[in-house]
Amino acid sequence: MGFVPVLVLSLACVAVTLVNAMIGDGTIDHRHIGVPQGCYNSRGDLVGNALPYTSLANHRDGHGNDILWDMWNCTADGTQIIFEFCGKEAVARKKEYFGVEFYGECYFGNADELSLGQGLVQLDQCEERCKWDVGGPHTMMIYKVEDVLGGYTCSNKYGRL
């Protein structure tokens, strides 16, 4: 019985994150959108990552296609990393899911590669740990890639893992 409030708070974190992310339209390209699945605990290493660590594409400083931090700080908008970098890379890799951890690290995988055993972030930590709808340290915001021209319907738009 003691676990019920925690589960309710965790599910509420998914709802809060979903509402925040859906303020934008989630567009990746002309036929794909990224649908938020939730903010998950993730250790950021080979064993405890929510998506395979080996799939890492790093967009933090000095790694090539870097985040425009000044723009992000002014707009408080994580769209660049979420959809421009991670979403487009997920489509190019033909992956069903992508995640953003530590503000600028993209991870990718299919349903069988998800490892969500560390659980959802607690509701009272959502705003801090998945600010701007990207995961911070040891936190991964997971998105599902939906092909809007390939059978996407409103009935499955809000499906969860």
Protein backbone atom coordinates (compact mmCIF):
# COMPACT_ATOMS: atom_id res chain seq x y z
CA MET A 1 0.00 0.00 0.00
CA GLY A 2 2.86 2.39 0.72
CA PHE A 3 4.01 2.43 -2.91
CA VAL A 4 0.74 3.78 -4.35
CA PRO A 5 1.43 7.51 -3.66
CA VAL A 6 4.89 7.20 -5.21
CA LEU A 7 3.43 5.56 -8.32
CA VAL A 8 0.78 8.28 -8.59
CA LEU A 9 3.43 11.00 -8.24
CA SER A 10 5.61 9.32 -10.86
CA LEU A 11 2.74 9.06 -13.31
CA ALA A 12 1.95 12.71 -12.65
CA CYS A 13 5.54 13.51 -13.67
CA VAL A 14 4.84 11.93 -17.06
CA ALA A 15 1.70 14.06 -17.38
CA VAL A 16 3.49 17.29 -16.43
CA THR A 17 6.31 16.53 -18.85
CA LEU A 18 3.87 15.63 -21.61
CA VAL A 19 1.97 18.90 -21.21
CA ASN A 20 5.18 20.94 -21.22
CA ALA A 21 6.54 19.16 -24.29
CA MET A 22 3.30 19.33 -26.25
CA ILE A 23 3.24 23.12 -26.03
CA GLY A 24 5.51 22.85 -29.08
CA ASP A 25 4.37 20.61 -31.88
CA GLY A 26 7.18 18.05 -31.53
CA THR A 27 8.11 18.21 -35.21
CA ILE A 28 11.32 16.43 -36.18
CA ASP A 29 10.89 16.63 -39.96
CA HIS A 30 8.12 16.61 -42.58
CA ARG A 31 6.88 13.17 -41.53
CA HIS A 32 8.11 12.50 -37.96
CA ILE A 33 7.29 13.86 -34.53
CA GLY A 34 8.79 13.16 -31.12
CA VAL A 35 6.18 12.18 -28.54
CA PRO A 36 7.36 12.56 -24.92
CA GLN A 37 7.25 9.34 -22.93
CA GLY A 38 8.52 10.56 -19.57
CA CYS A 39 11.45 11.68 -17.48
CA TYR A 40 13.43 8.68 -16.22
CA ASN A 41 16.30 8.10 -13.83
CA SER A 42 19.36 7.06 -15.80
CA ARG A 43 22.87 6.53 -14.53
CA GLY A 44 24.62 7.57 -17.72
CA ASP A 45 26.94 4.58 -17.90
CA LEU A 46 27.12 1.22 -19.61
CA VAL A 47 24.96 -0.58 -17.04
CA GLY A 48 22.31 1.90 -15.92
CA ASN A 49 21.40 3.94 -18.97
CA ALA A 50 17.74 4.06 -20.04
CA LEU A 51 18.89 3.69 -23.68
CA PRO A 52 22.14 2.03 -24.83
CA TYR A 53 25.20 3.99 -23.77
CA THR A 54 26.97 2.91 -26.94
CA SER A 55 24.45 4.91 -28.99
CA LEU A 56 25.64 8.25 -27.54
CA ALA A 57 25.79 11.31 -29.80
CA ASN A 58 27.26 14.14 -27.71
CA HIS A 59 26.28 17.72 -28.57
CA ARG A 60 27.85 19.37 -25.56
CA ASP A 61 30.69 21.86 -26.01
CA GLY A 62 33.59 20.83 -28.21
CA HIS A 63 31.95 17.86 -29.89
CA GLY A 64 31.21 19.38 -33.30
CA ASN A 65 27.50 20.08 -33.79
CA ASP A 66 27.20 21.99 -30.53
CA ILE A 67 24.22 23.42 -28.68
CA LEU A 68 23.72 27.17 -28.92
CA TRP A 69 23.79 27.69 -25.14
CA ASP A 70 23.27 31.48 -25.27
CA MET A 71 20.12 31.08 -27.34
CA TRP A 72 18.88 28.32 -25.05
CA ASN A 73 19.46 30.43 -21.94
CA CYS A 74 17.55 33.36 -23.48
CA THR A 75 14.61 31.33 -24.76
CA ALA A 76 14.48 28.55 -22.12
CA ASP A 77 13.69 26.27 -25.05
CA GLY A 78 15.31 22.86 -25.52
CA THR A 79 13.87 22.37 -29.01
CA GLN A 80 17.28 22.56 -30.72
CA ILE A 81 18.72 19.57 -28.87
CA ILE A 82 15.46 17.62 -28.72
CA PHE A 83 14.26 17.78 -32.31
CA GLU A 84 17.09 19.24 -34.42
CA PHE A 85 19.84 17.05 -33.02
CA CYS A 86 18.40 14.01 -31.24
CA GLY A 87 15.15 13.59 -33.15
CA LYS A 88 16.70 13.87 -36.59
CA GLU A 89 19.50 11.52 -35.60
CA ALA A 90 16.96 8.96 -34.34
CA VAL A 91 15.15 9.08 -37.69
CA ALA A 92 18.46 8.74 -39.58
CA ARG A 93 19.39 5.72 -37.43
CA LYS A 94 15.87 4.26 -37.85
CA LYS A 95 15.36 4.07 -34.07
CA GLU A 96 11.97 4.05 -32.35
CA TYR A 97 13.11 6.03 -29.31
CA PHE A 98 15.56 8.74 -28.40
CA GLY A 99 16.48 10.29 -25.11
CA VAL A 100 18.22 13.45 -23.95
CA GLU A 101 20.46 13.23 -20.90
CA PHE A 102 22.76 15.83 -19.31
CA TYR A 103 21.24 18.58 -21.50
CA GLY A 104 23.18 17.68 -24.64
CA GLU A 105 23.69 13.93 -24.87
CA CYS A 106 21.42 12.03 -27.25
CA TYR A 107 20.81 8.28 -26.89
CA PHE A 108 18.87 6.01 -29.25
CA GLY A 109 17.22 2.63 -29.28
CA ASN A 110 14.28 0.43 -30.13
CA ALA A 111 11.68 -0.93 -27.71
CA ASP A 112 13.79 -4.00 -26.88
CA GLU A 113 16.73 -1.74 -25.91
CA LEU A 114 14.85 0.38 -23.35
CA SER A 115 15.98 -0.14 -19.76
CA LEU A 116 13.59 1.78 -17.53
CA GLY A 117 14.19 -0.20 -14.33
CA GLN A 118 15.49 2.86 -12.49
CA GLY A 119 11.99 4.33 -12.73
CA LEU A 120 10.36 7.65 -13.40
CA VAL A 121 11.60 10.80 -11.73
CA GLN A 122 9.42 11.80 -8.76
CA LEU A 123 6.87 14.56 -9.38
CA ASP A 124 8.52 17.02 -7.00
CA GLN A 125 11.79 16.66 -8.98
CA CYS A 126 10.38 16.88 -12.52
CA GLU A 127 10.86 20.59 -13.10
CA GLU A 128 14.43 20.50 -11.87
CA ARG A 129 15.58 17.21 -13.43
CA CYS A 130 13.81 17.50 -16.80
CA LYS A 131 13.82 21.26 -17.19
CA TRP A 132 13.10 22.37 -20.78
CA ASP A 133 11.98 18.78 -21.46
CA VAL A 134 15.54 17.48 -21.54
CA GLY A 135 17.17 15.31 -18.93
CA GLY A 136 19.77 16.76 -16.61
CA PRO A 137 22.50 14.77 -14.83
CA HIS A 138 21.53 11.10 -14.36
CA THR A 139 18.13 11.80 -15.91
CA MET A 140 16.87 11.00 -19.39
CA MET A 141 13.83 12.46 -21.09
CA ILE A 142 12.58 9.76 -23.45
CA TYR A 143 10.73 10.47 -26.71
CA LYS A 144 9.08 8.06 -29.14
CA VAL A 145 9.50 8.72 -32.85
CA GLU A 146 6.12 8.63 -34.60
CA ASP A 147 5.78 8.52 -38.37
CA VAL A 148 2.81 10.81 -39.07
CA LEU A 149 2.48 9.51 -42.61
CA GLY A 150 2.74 5.89 -41.62
CA GLY A 151 -0.37 5.10 -39.63
CA TYR A 152 -0.19 7.61 -36.77
CA THR A 153 -3.58 8.25 -35.22
CA CYS A 154 -4.85 10.32 -32.33
CA SER A 155 -5.79 7.15 -30.48
CA ASN A 156 -2.13 6.16 -30.01
CA LYS A 157 -0.68 9.66 -29.70
CA TYR A 158 -0.52 9.52 -25.94
CA GLY A 159 0.57 5.91 -25.63
CA ARG A 160 3.16 5.23 -22.93
CA LEU A 161 5.95 2.74 -22.48
